[in-house]
Amino acid sequence: MSTSPRVVLTALLLTAAAALASCGDDEAGGTEAASSDAAATSAAPPTPETTTSAPPEPEQTIVDVINTFHKAVDADNGKRACAQLTSELRGVYAQNPGASTCPGGISQLHDELGKTKLSSLKFAPADVDVTKKGKEAVVSHKLIAKRNGTDPEKTNSYNLERERGGWKISYIG
């Protein structure tokens, strides 16, 4: 079964907004000590606090890649959008009717979308399944559809893989 450019476009539309849903802030509120200096010196030595500012998990990184792709398509920035794709998928976009390059294919996609914004789709790291020992990932169409209130049969999944040390979108459908 071949995938038409419209199917790919639909997939992009449904997945784009999902990328934005993962953004959020974690604010930790501090507390002030009410004890005097004498009480503080008689207390047990403080234990080092665990910081949560570790590098982003692969799932968040994947969400960020898709967000970047969607925003670039929305802005008609083919070069930036294509940078989020595997070399193979860049070749697919370059083969769109009337396009000879990936950025040209992205520009066609942007024009076909009109006022529709890919970045209106919502998805989150919880929608990402990293497999093959961290080398591949899938953002499920079923989870995207559930999060966005869309029909799973009309929603596409994203497949990603590690390429040159980073995550790249390898398939949309």
Protein backbone atom coordinates (compact mmCIF):
# COMPACT_ATOMS: atom_id res chain seq x y z
CA MET A 1 0.00 0.00 0.00
CA SER A 2 1.49 3.36 -0.99
CA THR A 3 1.12 6.46 1.11
CA SER A 4 -0.19 9.49 -0.71
CA PRO A 5 1.08 12.97 0.11
CA ARG A 6 -2.36 13.76 1.56
CA VAL A 7 -2.10 10.83 3.98
CA VAL A 8 1.30 12.10 5.04
CA LEU A 9 -0.18 15.58 5.43
CA THR A 10 -3.01 14.27 7.57
CA ALA A 11 -0.51 12.42 9.71
CA LEU A 12 1.52 15.56 10.17
CA LEU A 13 -1.53 17.58 11.11
CA LEU A 14 -2.68 15.13 13.72
CA THR A 15 0.72 14.63 15.23
CA ALA A 16 1.89 18.22 15.29
CA ALA A 17 -0.36 19.50 18.02
CA ALA A 18 0.55 16.52 20.13
CA ALA A 19 4.08 17.83 20.30
CA LEU A 20 3.03 20.99 22.08
CA ALA A 21 1.17 19.20 24.86
CA SER A 22 4.39 17.97 26.37
CA CYS A 23 5.59 21.44 27.37
CA GLY A 24 5.24 22.39 31.01
CA ASP A 25 6.94 23.93 33.97
CA ASP A 26 7.98 22.29 37.21
CA GLU A 27 8.28 24.88 39.93
CA ALA A 28 9.52 23.72 43.26
CA GLY A 29 8.58 25.99 46.10
CA GLY A 30 11.16 26.52 48.83
CA THR A 31 10.57 26.57 52.56
CA GLU A 32 12.26 28.75 55.07
CA ALA A 33 13.74 27.28 58.19
CA ALA A 34 12.12 28.50 61.37
CA SER A 35 14.83 27.23 63.67
CA SER A 36 17.52 29.27 65.39
CA ASP A 37 21.22 28.92 64.72
CA ALA A 38 21.65 26.83 67.87
CA ALA A 39 18.98 24.36 66.77
CA ALA A 40 20.51 24.18 63.32
CA THR A 41 23.95 23.30 64.70
CA SER A 42 22.55 20.51 66.89
CA ALA A 43 20.66 18.95 63.98
CA ALA A 44 22.11 16.17 61.86
CA PRO A 45 24.26 17.31 58.97
CA PRO A 46 22.23 18.15 55.88
CA THR A 47 21.98 15.49 53.23
CA PRO A 48 22.72 16.49 49.68
CA GLU A 49 19.60 17.23 47.68
CA THR A 50 18.86 15.22 44.59
CA THR A 51 18.58 17.43 41.55
CA THR A 52 16.08 16.72 38.82
CA SER A 53 17.90 18.73 36.16
CA ALA A 54 19.27 15.65 34.41
CA PRO A 55 19.52 15.57 30.64
CA PRO A 56 16.13 15.18 28.97
CA GLU A 57 14.82 11.66 28.66
CA PRO A 58 14.70 10.24 25.11
CA GLU A 59 10.91 10.56 25.11
CA GLN A 60 11.10 14.31 25.70
CA THR A 61 13.81 14.69 23.08
CA ILE A 62 11.60 12.86 20.58
CA VAL A 63 8.67 15.16 21.38
CA ASP A 64 11.00 18.12 20.85
CA VAL A 65 12.11 16.80 17.42
CA ILE A 66 8.51 16.45 16.28
CA ASN A 67 7.63 19.88 17.70
CA THR A 68 10.54 21.40 15.79
CA PHE A 69 9.42 19.68 12.59
CA HIS A 70 5.83 20.89 12.98
CA LYS A 71 6.82 24.46 13.75
CA ALA A 72 9.19 24.50 10.77
CA VAL A 73 6.44 23.24 8.43
CA ASP A 74 4.04 25.84 9.85
CA ALA A 75 6.65 28.56 9.17
CA ASP A 76 7.46 27.18 5.68
CA ASN A 77 11.05 26.60 6.79
CA GLY A 78 11.88 23.55 4.69
CA LYS A 79 15.54 23.48 5.62
CA ARG A 80 14.79 23.27 9.34
CA ALA A 81 11.94 20.78 8.84
CA CYS A 82 14.13 18.51 6.70
CA ALA A 83 16.86 18.60 9.35
CA GLN A 84 14.44 16.68 11.63
CA LEU A 85 14.06 13.83 9.10
CA THR A 86 16.20 10.79 8.33
CA SER A 87 18.03 10.92 5.02
CA GLU A 88 15.57 8.38 3.63
CA LEU A 89 12.50 10.43 4.56
CA ARG A 90 14.11 13.59 3.19
CA GLY A 91 14.32 11.70 -0.11
CA VAL A 92 10.61 10.91 0.09
CA TYR A 93 9.73 14.60 0.48
CA ALA A 94 12.03 15.45 -2.43
CA GLN A 95 9.92 13.11 -4.59
CA ASN A 96 6.66 14.95 -3.96
CA PRO A 97 5.09 15.93 -7.29
CA GLY A 98 6.66 19.18 -8.41
CA ALA A 99 9.45 19.10 -5.82
CA SER A 100 13.07 18.23 -6.45
CA THR A 101 14.39 18.79 -2.92
CA CYS A 102 13.18 18.04 0.58
CA PRO A 103 12.68 21.76 1.36
CA GLY A 104 10.62 21.99 -1.84
CA GLY A 105 8.45 19.09 -0.67
CA ILE A 106 8.01 20.74 2.72
CA SER A 107 6.99 23.98 1.01
CA GLN A 108 4.32 22.08 -0.91
CA LEU A 109 3.11 20.54 2.34
CA HIS A 110 2.97 23.98 3.92
CA ASP A 111 0.95 25.33 0.99
CA GLU A 112 -1.47 22.38 1.06
CA LEU A 113 -2.07 22.86 4.78
CA GLY A 114 -3.13 26.47 4.24
CA LYS A 115 -4.20 27.90 7.57
CA THR A 116 -4.05 24.52 9.31
CA LYS A 117 -1.17 24.41 11.78
CA LEU A 118 0.62 21.15 12.52
CA SER A 119 1.69 22.56 15.85
CA SER A 120 -1.94 22.47 17.00
CA LEU A 121 -1.66 18.71 17.64
CA LYS A 122 -0.91 17.62 21.18
CA PHE A 123 1.24 14.73 22.33
CA ALA A 124 3.48 14.01 25.26
CA PRO A 125 6.49 11.91 26.26
CA ALA A 126 4.03 9.35 27.63
CA ASP A 127 2.92 8.74 24.01
CA VAL A 128 6.46 7.67 23.01
CA ASP A 129 7.63 4.05 23.05
CA VAL A 130 11.41 3.70 22.75
CA THR A 131 12.46 0.28 21.42
CA LYS A 132 15.42 -1.64 20.01
CA LYS A 133 17.68 -0.77 22.94
CA GLY A 134 17.05 2.96 22.53
CA LYS A 135 17.67 3.07 18.79
CA GLU A 136 14.08 3.38 17.53
CA ALA A 137 10.88 4.94 18.80
CA VAL A 138 7.20 5.12 17.89
CA VAL A 139 4.66 7.78 18.79
CA SER A 140 1.43 5.79 18.59
CA HIS A 141 -1.47 6.99 16.48
CA LYS A 142 -3.86 5.53 19.07
CA LEU A 143 -2.37 7.60 21.90
CA ILE A 144 -2.21 10.71 19.73
CA ALA A 145 -5.86 10.23 18.74
CA LYS A 146 -6.90 9.76 22.36
CA ARG A 147 -5.02 12.87 23.50
CA ASN A 148 -6.46 14.99 20.64
CA GLY A 149 -9.97 13.52 20.50
CA THR A 150 -9.50 12.35 16.91
CA ASP A 151 -10.33 9.12 15.09
CA PRO A 152 -7.43 6.63 15.45
CA GLU A 153 -8.14 5.39 11.91
CA LYS A 154 -7.47 8.90 10.59
CA THR A 155 -4.49 9.61 12.81
CA ASN A 156 -0.92 8.67 11.93
CA SER A 157 1.98 7.43 14.00
CA TYR A 158 5.52 8.76 13.92
CA ASN A 159 8.50 6.44 13.76
CA LEU A 160 11.89 7.81 14.74
CA GLU A 161 15.37 6.39 14.78
CA ARG A 162 18.79 7.40 15.91
CA GLU A 163 20.80 8.88 13.06
CA ARG A 164 24.18 10.54 13.53
CA GLY A 165 23.76 10.64 17.29
CA GLY A 166 20.33 12.31 17.31
CA TRP A 167 16.68 11.40 16.90
CA LYS A 168 15.23 11.82 13.40
CA ILE A 169 11.74 11.16 12.07
CA SER A 170 11.92 8.12 9.78
CA TYR A 171 8.26 7.56 8.91
CA ILE A 172 4.92 9.31 9.25
CA GLY A 173 1.85 7.24 8.54
